[in-house]
Amino acid sequence: MSEIVMTFPPVSYTGWATTIMSSLTILQMLFFTYNPSPFMKQYHIPSTQAAKTIAFAIGSTNAYYLMGALQENTTVYTISMALKVIAVPLFWSFGPVWKSMVGVEVVTLALLAGCSMLDGRIG
């Protein structure tokens, strides 16, 4: 009788980085959906419903990234990096309050690009 062995591809550096960043963001956005006042105060969002909607949208996007990371989907990594490049000038244009997000996007983009280089996907 033959033994059935299930093998899974090893999780890449990019997969680990995306999993950790997405999980932390989802947890933070769940908190902000429940209690949006710190989010509203930090980013000067006037409406509770708007803050909850923004938190839900960010959390949903990161759920997509998390699913892609758990499946080692390289297209998700590429989309994530492309959207971070697009997000930098967008957040910059929102004014001084949102400029802190520019740093977050640049650092996470550099982290994902570095992990992709270590995985041999870039360069």
N, C-alpha and C. Protein backbone atom coordinates (compact mmCIF):
# COMPACT_ATOMS: atom_id res chain seq x y z
N MET A 1 0.84 -1.17 0.00
CA MET A 1 0.00 0.00 0.00
C MET A 1 0.89 1.24 0.00
N SER A 2 0.59 2.18 -0.89
CA SER A 2 1.43 3.37 -0.96
C SER A 2 0.92 4.43 0.01
N GLU A 3 1.87 5.17 0.48
CA GLU A 3 1.56 6.24 1.45
C GLU A 3 1.34 7.55 0.69
N ILE A 4 0.31 8.27 1.04
CA ILE A 4 0.03 9.56 0.41
C ILE A 4 0.70 10.64 1.25
N VAL A 5 1.57 11.39 0.60
CA VAL A 5 2.28 12.47 1.28
C VAL A 5 1.89 13.78 0.61
N MET A 6 1.38 14.67 1.41
CA MET A 6 1.03 15.99 0.89
C MET A 6 2.19 16.94 1.12
N THR A 7 2.62 17.58 0.06
CA THR A 7 3.70 18.55 0.20
C THR A 7 3.17 19.93 -0.16
N PHE A 8 3.67 20.90 0.50
CA PHE A 8 3.28 22.27 0.25
C PHE A 8 4.53 23.05 -0.11
N PRO A 9 4.42 24.04 -0.99
CA PRO A 9 5.61 24.84 -1.27
C PRO A 9 5.99 25.65 -0.03
N PRO A 10 7.27 25.85 0.17
CA PRO A 10 7.67 26.66 1.33
C PRO A 10 7.16 28.08 1.20
N VAL A 11 6.84 28.69 2.28
CA VAL A 11 6.38 30.08 2.28
C VAL A 11 7.60 30.97 2.04
N SER A 12 7.46 31.85 1.09
CA SER A 12 8.56 32.74 0.73
C SER A 12 8.70 33.89 1.72
N TYR A 13 9.81 34.61 1.59
CA TYR A 13 10.00 35.81 2.42
C TYR A 13 8.87 36.81 2.14
N THR A 14 8.52 36.96 0.86
CA THR A 14 7.45 37.89 0.49
C THR A 14 6.12 37.45 1.09
N GLY A 15 5.88 36.13 1.10
CA GLY A 15 4.66 35.60 1.70
C GLY A 15 4.59 35.88 3.19
N TRP A 16 5.71 35.67 3.88
CA TRP A 16 5.74 35.96 5.32
C TRP A 16 5.53 37.44 5.59
N ALA A 17 6.23 38.29 4.84
CA ALA A 17 6.09 39.74 5.06
C ALA A 17 4.65 40.19 4.81
N THR A 18 4.06 39.71 3.72
CA THR A 18 2.68 40.09 3.40
C THR A 18 1.71 39.56 4.45
N THR A 19 1.92 38.33 4.90
CA THR A 19 1.05 37.74 5.92
C THR A 19 1.09 38.55 7.21
N ILE A 20 2.27 38.90 7.66
CA ILE A 20 2.41 39.65 8.92
C ILE A 20 1.82 41.05 8.79
N MET A 21 2.18 41.77 7.71
CA MET A 21 1.67 43.14 7.54
C MET A 21 0.16 43.15 7.39
N SER A 22 -0.37 42.23 6.61
CA SER A 22 -1.82 42.19 6.40
C SER A 22 -2.57 41.83 7.67
N SER A 23 -2.05 40.85 8.41
CA SER A 23 -2.70 40.44 9.66
C SER A 23 -2.76 41.59 10.66
N LEU A 24 -1.65 42.30 10.80
CA LEU A 24 -1.63 43.44 11.74
C LEU A 24 -2.59 44.54 11.30
N THR A 25 -2.63 44.81 10.00
CA THR A 25 -3.52 45.85 9.49
C THR A 25 -4.98 45.46 9.68
N ILE A 26 -5.30 44.19 9.41
CA ILE A 26 -6.68 43.72 9.59
C ILE A 26 -7.11 43.87 11.05
N LEU A 27 -6.24 43.48 11.98
CA LEU A 27 -6.57 43.61 13.40
C LEU A 27 -6.80 45.08 13.78
N GLN A 28 -5.93 45.94 13.28
CA GLN A 28 -6.08 47.37 13.58
C GLN A 28 -7.38 47.92 12.99
N MET A 29 -7.70 47.54 11.78
CA MET A 29 -8.91 48.05 11.15
C MET A 29 -10.17 47.48 11.79
N LEU A 30 -10.11 46.24 12.29
CA LEU A 30 -11.25 45.70 13.04
C LEU A 30 -11.50 46.53 14.29
N PHE A 31 -10.42 46.91 14.97
CA PHE A 31 -10.56 47.78 16.14
C PHE A 31 -11.17 49.12 15.75
N PHE A 32 -10.68 49.71 14.65
CA PHE A 32 -11.20 51.01 14.21
C PHE A 32 -12.64 50.91 13.72
N THR A 33 -13.05 49.76 13.22
CA THR A 33 -14.45 49.59 12.83
C THR A 33 -15.34 49.56 14.06
N TYR A 34 -14.84 48.96 15.12
CA TYR A 34 -15.59 48.89 16.38
C TYR A 34 -15.56 50.23 17.10
N ASN A 35 -14.39 50.86 17.17
CA ASN A 35 -14.22 52.14 17.87
C ASN A 35 -13.45 53.10 16.96
N PRO A 36 -14.13 53.85 16.10
CA PRO A 36 -13.44 54.68 15.12
C PRO A 36 -12.89 56.00 15.65
N SER A 37 -13.14 56.34 16.90
CA SER A 37 -12.73 57.67 17.39
C SER A 37 -11.22 57.93 17.30
N PRO A 38 -10.33 56.97 17.63
CA PRO A 38 -8.89 57.28 17.45
C PRO A 38 -8.52 57.50 15.98
N PHE A 39 -9.13 56.73 15.10
CA PHE A 39 -8.89 56.85 13.67
C PHE A 39 -9.39 58.20 13.17
N MET A 40 -10.57 58.60 13.64
CA MET A 40 -11.15 59.88 13.25
C MET A 40 -10.28 61.04 13.74
N LYS A 41 -9.78 60.92 14.95
CA LYS A 41 -8.96 61.98 15.53
C LYS A 41 -7.63 62.10 14.81
N GLN A 42 -6.99 60.96 14.54
CA GLN A 42 -5.67 60.97 13.91
C GLN A 42 -5.71 61.54 12.50
N TYR A 43 -6.74 61.17 11.73
CA TYR A 43 -6.79 61.57 10.32
C TYR A 43 -7.85 62.63 10.03
N HIS A 44 -8.40 63.24 11.08
CA HIS A 44 -9.37 64.34 10.94
C HIS A 44 -10.54 63.94 10.04
N ILE A 45 -11.11 62.78 10.32
CA ILE A 45 -12.28 62.31 9.57
C ILE A 45 -13.51 62.78 10.34
N PRO A 46 -14.38 63.60 9.74
CA PRO A 46 -15.49 64.19 10.48
C PRO A 46 -16.65 63.26 10.79
N SER A 47 -16.81 62.19 10.04
CA SER A 47 -17.98 61.33 10.17
C SER A 47 -17.60 59.94 10.69
N THR A 48 -18.35 59.47 11.66
CA THR A 48 -18.14 58.12 12.19
C THR A 48 -18.35 57.07 11.10
N GLN A 49 -19.39 57.25 10.32
CA GLN A 49 -19.68 56.29 9.25
C GLN A 49 -18.56 56.28 8.20
N ALA A 50 -18.01 57.45 7.88
CA ALA A 50 -16.91 57.52 6.91
C ALA A 50 -15.68 56.80 7.46
N ALA A 51 -15.38 57.00 8.74
CA ALA A 51 -14.23 56.34 9.35
C ALA A 51 -14.40 54.82 9.35
N LYS A 52 -15.61 54.36 9.67
CA LYS A 52 -15.87 52.92 9.66
C LYS A 52 -15.78 52.35 8.24
N THR A 53 -16.25 53.10 7.27
CA THR A 53 -16.19 52.65 5.87
C THR A 53 -14.75 52.56 5.39
N ILE A 54 -13.94 53.57 5.71
CA ILE A 54 -12.53 53.56 5.33
C ILE A 54 -11.82 52.39 6.00
N ALA A 55 -12.07 52.18 7.29
CA ALA A 55 -11.44 51.07 8.00
C ALA A 55 -11.86 49.72 7.40
N PHE A 56 -13.14 49.60 7.04
CA PHE A 56 -13.61 48.36 6.42
C PHE A 56 -12.94 48.13 5.07
N ALA A 57 -12.81 49.19 4.27
CA ALA A 57 -12.19 49.07 2.94
C ALA A 57 -10.72 48.67 3.06
N ILE A 58 -10.00 49.30 3.99
CA ILE A 58 -8.59 48.96 4.18
C ILE A 58 -8.46 47.52 4.69
N GLY A 59 -9.31 47.14 5.62
CA GLY A 59 -9.28 45.77 6.14
C GLY A 59 -9.61 44.75 5.07
N SER A 60 -10.57 45.04 4.23
CA SER A 60 -10.95 44.12 3.14
C SER A 60 -9.82 43.95 2.13
N THR A 61 -9.17 45.06 1.80
CA THR A 61 -8.04 44.99 0.87
C THR A 61 -6.93 44.13 1.45
N ASN A 62 -6.68 44.29 2.73
CA ASN A 62 -5.62 43.49 3.36
C ASN A 62 -6.03 42.04 3.54
N ALA A 63 -7.31 41.76 3.62
CA ALA A 63 -7.76 40.36 3.64
C ALA A 63 -7.43 39.70 2.30
N TYR A 64 -7.59 40.45 1.22
CA TYR A 64 -7.22 39.96 -0.11
C TYR A 64 -5.72 39.67 -0.17
N TYR A 65 -4.91 40.60 0.36
CA TYR A 65 -3.46 40.39 0.38
C TYR A 65 -3.10 39.15 1.21
N LEU A 66 -3.79 38.97 2.34
CA LEU A 66 -3.53 37.82 3.21
C LEU A 66 -3.86 36.51 2.50
N MET A 67 -4.99 36.47 1.82
CA MET A 67 -5.35 35.25 1.08
C MET A 67 -4.32 34.96 -0.01
N GLY A 68 -3.87 35.98 -0.69
CA GLY A 68 -2.84 35.79 -1.72
C GLY A 68 -1.53 35.32 -1.14
N ALA A 69 -1.15 35.85 0.01
CA ALA A 69 0.10 35.43 0.65
C ALA A 69 0.04 33.98 1.09
N LEU A 70 -1.10 33.56 1.61
CA LEU A 70 -1.23 32.17 2.06
C LEU A 70 -1.25 31.20 0.89
N GLN A 71 -1.54 31.69 -0.31
CA GLN A 71 -1.54 30.86 -1.51
C GLN A 71 -0.27 31.04 -2.34
N GLU A 72 0.68 31.85 -1.84
CA GLU A 72 1.91 32.16 -2.59
C GLU A 72 1.58 32.69 -3.99
N ASN A 73 0.61 33.59 -4.06
CA ASN A 73 0.18 34.15 -5.33
C ASN A 73 1.04 35.37 -5.67
N THR A 74 1.94 35.20 -6.62
CA THR A 74 2.86 36.28 -6.96
C THR A 74 2.15 37.49 -7.57
N THR A 75 1.00 37.27 -8.20
CA THR A 75 0.24 38.39 -8.76
C THR A 75 -0.22 39.33 -7.64
N VAL A 76 -0.61 38.76 -6.52
CA VAL A 76 -1.04 39.58 -5.38
C VAL A 76 0.12 40.43 -4.87
N TYR A 77 1.33 39.85 -4.83
CA TYR A 77 2.49 40.63 -4.39
C TYR A 77 2.75 41.79 -5.34
N THR A 78 2.64 41.52 -6.63
CA THR A 78 2.86 42.57 -7.64
C THR A 78 1.81 43.67 -7.53
N ILE A 79 0.55 43.27 -7.38
CA ILE A 79 -0.53 44.25 -7.22
C ILE A 79 -0.31 45.07 -5.96
N SER A 80 0.08 44.43 -4.88
CA SER A 80 0.32 45.13 -3.62
C SER A 80 1.40 46.19 -3.78
N MET A 81 2.50 45.82 -4.43
CA MET A 81 3.58 46.79 -4.62
C MET A 81 3.16 47.92 -5.55
N ALA A 82 2.42 47.60 -6.60
CA ALA A 82 1.96 48.64 -7.53
C ALA A 82 1.01 49.62 -6.83
N LEU A 83 0.11 49.09 -6.01
CA LEU A 83 -0.82 49.97 -5.29
C LEU A 83 -0.11 50.84 -4.26
N LYS A 84 0.97 50.34 -3.69
CA LYS A 84 1.74 51.17 -2.76
C LYS A 84 2.41 52.32 -3.49
N VAL A 85 2.89 52.07 -4.70
CA VAL A 85 3.48 53.14 -5.52
C VAL A 85 2.43 54.19 -5.84
N ILE A 86 1.21 53.76 -6.14
CA ILE A 86 0.12 54.69 -6.44
C ILE A 86 -0.34 55.42 -5.19
N ALA A 87 -0.31 54.75 -4.03
CA ALA A 87 -0.80 55.34 -2.78
C ALA A 87 0.07 56.49 -2.29
N VAL A 88 1.37 56.45 -2.57
CA VAL A 88 2.27 57.49 -2.04
C VAL A 88 1.85 58.88 -2.51
N PRO A 89 1.74 59.16 -3.81
CA PRO A 89 1.32 60.52 -4.19
C PRO A 89 -0.13 60.82 -3.80
N LEU A 90 -0.95 59.80 -3.74
CA LEU A 90 -2.34 60.01 -3.34
C LEU A 90 -2.42 60.49 -1.90
N PHE A 91 -1.76 59.78 -0.99
CA PHE A 91 -1.77 60.19 0.41
C PHE A 91 -1.09 61.55 0.59
N TRP A 92 -0.04 61.79 -0.18
CA TRP A 92 0.66 63.08 -0.10
C TRP A 92 -0.30 64.22 -0.46
N SER A 93 -1.17 63.98 -1.43
CA SER A 93 -2.10 65.02 -1.88
C SER A 93 -3.23 65.27 -0.89
N PHE A 94 -3.47 64.34 0.04
CA PHE A 94 -4.56 64.50 1.01
C PHE A 94 -4.25 65.53 2.08
N GLY A 95 -3.01 65.98 2.17
CA GLY A 95 -2.65 67.00 3.14
C GLY A 95 -1.73 66.50 4.22
N PRO A 96 -1.33 67.40 5.12
CA PRO A 96 -0.30 67.07 6.11
C PRO A 96 -0.67 65.93 7.06
N VAL A 97 -1.94 65.77 7.37
CA VAL A 97 -2.35 64.73 8.31
C VAL A 97 -2.07 63.34 7.74
N TRP A 98 -2.29 63.16 6.45
CA TRP A 98 -2.13 61.85 5.80
C TRP A 98 -0.70 61.58 5.36
N LYS A 99 0.18 62.56 5.49
CA LYS A 99 1.57 62.36 5.03
C LYS A 99 2.31 61.31 5.85
N SER A 100 1.83 61.01 7.06
CA SER A 100 2.46 59.94 7.84
C SER A 100 2.28 58.59 7.14
N MET A 101 1.18 58.46 6.38
CA MET A 101 0.94 57.23 5.65
C MET A 101 1.92 57.05 4.49
N VAL A 102 2.46 58.16 4.00
CA VAL A 102 3.45 58.07 2.92
C VAL A 102 4.66 57.27 3.40
N GLY A 103 5.12 57.57 4.60
CA GLY A 103 6.25 56.83 5.16
C GLY A 103 5.94 55.35 5.34
N VAL A 104 4.74 55.05 5.80
CA VAL A 104 4.33 53.66 5.98
C VAL A 104 4.34 52.93 4.64
N GLU A 105 3.78 53.56 3.62
CA GLU A 105 3.71 52.93 2.30
C GLU A 105 5.10 52.74 1.70
N VAL A 106 5.99 53.71 1.87
CA VAL A 106 7.34 53.60 1.33
C VAL A 106 8.11 52.48 2.04
N VAL A 107 7.99 52.42 3.36
CA VAL A 107 8.70 51.37 4.11
C VAL A 107 8.17 49.99 3.76
N THR A 108 6.85 49.83 3.68
CA THR A 108 6.31 48.51 3.35
C THR A 108 6.62 48.14 1.89
N LEU A 109 6.65 49.12 1.00
CA LEU A 109 7.05 48.84 -0.38
C LEU A 109 8.50 48.36 -0.43
N ALA A 110 9.38 49.04 0.31
CA ALA A 110 10.79 48.63 0.35
C ALA A 110 10.94 47.23 0.94
N LEU A 111 10.16 46.94 1.97
CA LEU A 111 10.20 45.61 2.60
C LEU A 111 9.75 44.53 1.60
N LEU A 112 8.63 44.77 0.92
CA LEU A 112 8.15 43.79 -0.06
C LEU A 112 9.11 43.64 -1.23
N ALA A 113 9.67 44.75 -1.70
CA ALA A 113 10.63 44.67 -2.81
C ALA A 113 11.88 43.92 -2.38
N GLY A 114 12.36 44.18 -1.17
CA GLY A 114 13.53 43.46 -0.66
C GLY A 114 13.26 41.97 -0.52
N CYS A 115 12.10 41.63 0.00
CA CYS A 115 11.73 40.21 0.13
C CYS A 115 11.61 39.55 -1.24
N SER A 116 11.05 40.28 -2.20
CA SER A 116 10.93 39.74 -3.55
C SER A 116 12.30 39.52 -4.17
N MET A 117 13.24 40.40 -3.85
CA MET A 117 14.61 40.21 -4.35
C MET A 117 15.24 38.96 -3.72
N LEU A 118 15.03 38.79 -2.43
CA LEU A 118 15.55 37.59 -1.75
C LEU A 118 14.93 36.31 -2.31
N ASP A 119 13.66 36.40 -2.71
CA ASP A 119 12.98 35.25 -3.29
C ASP A 119 13.34 35.03 -4.76
N GLY A 120 14.06 35.97 -5.34
CA GLY A 120 14.47 35.83 -6.74
C GLY A 120 13.42 36.29 -7.73
N ARG A 121 12.43 37.03 -7.28
CA ARG A 121 11.38 37.50 -8.19
C ARG A 121 11.75 38.80 -8.88
N ILE A 122 12.62 39.58 -8.24
CA ILE A 122 13.06 40.86 -8.80
C ILE A 122 14.58 40.82 -8.89
N GLY A 123 15.11 41.38 -9.95
CA GLY A 123 16.55 41.53 -10.08
C GLY A 123 17.22 40.27 -10.44
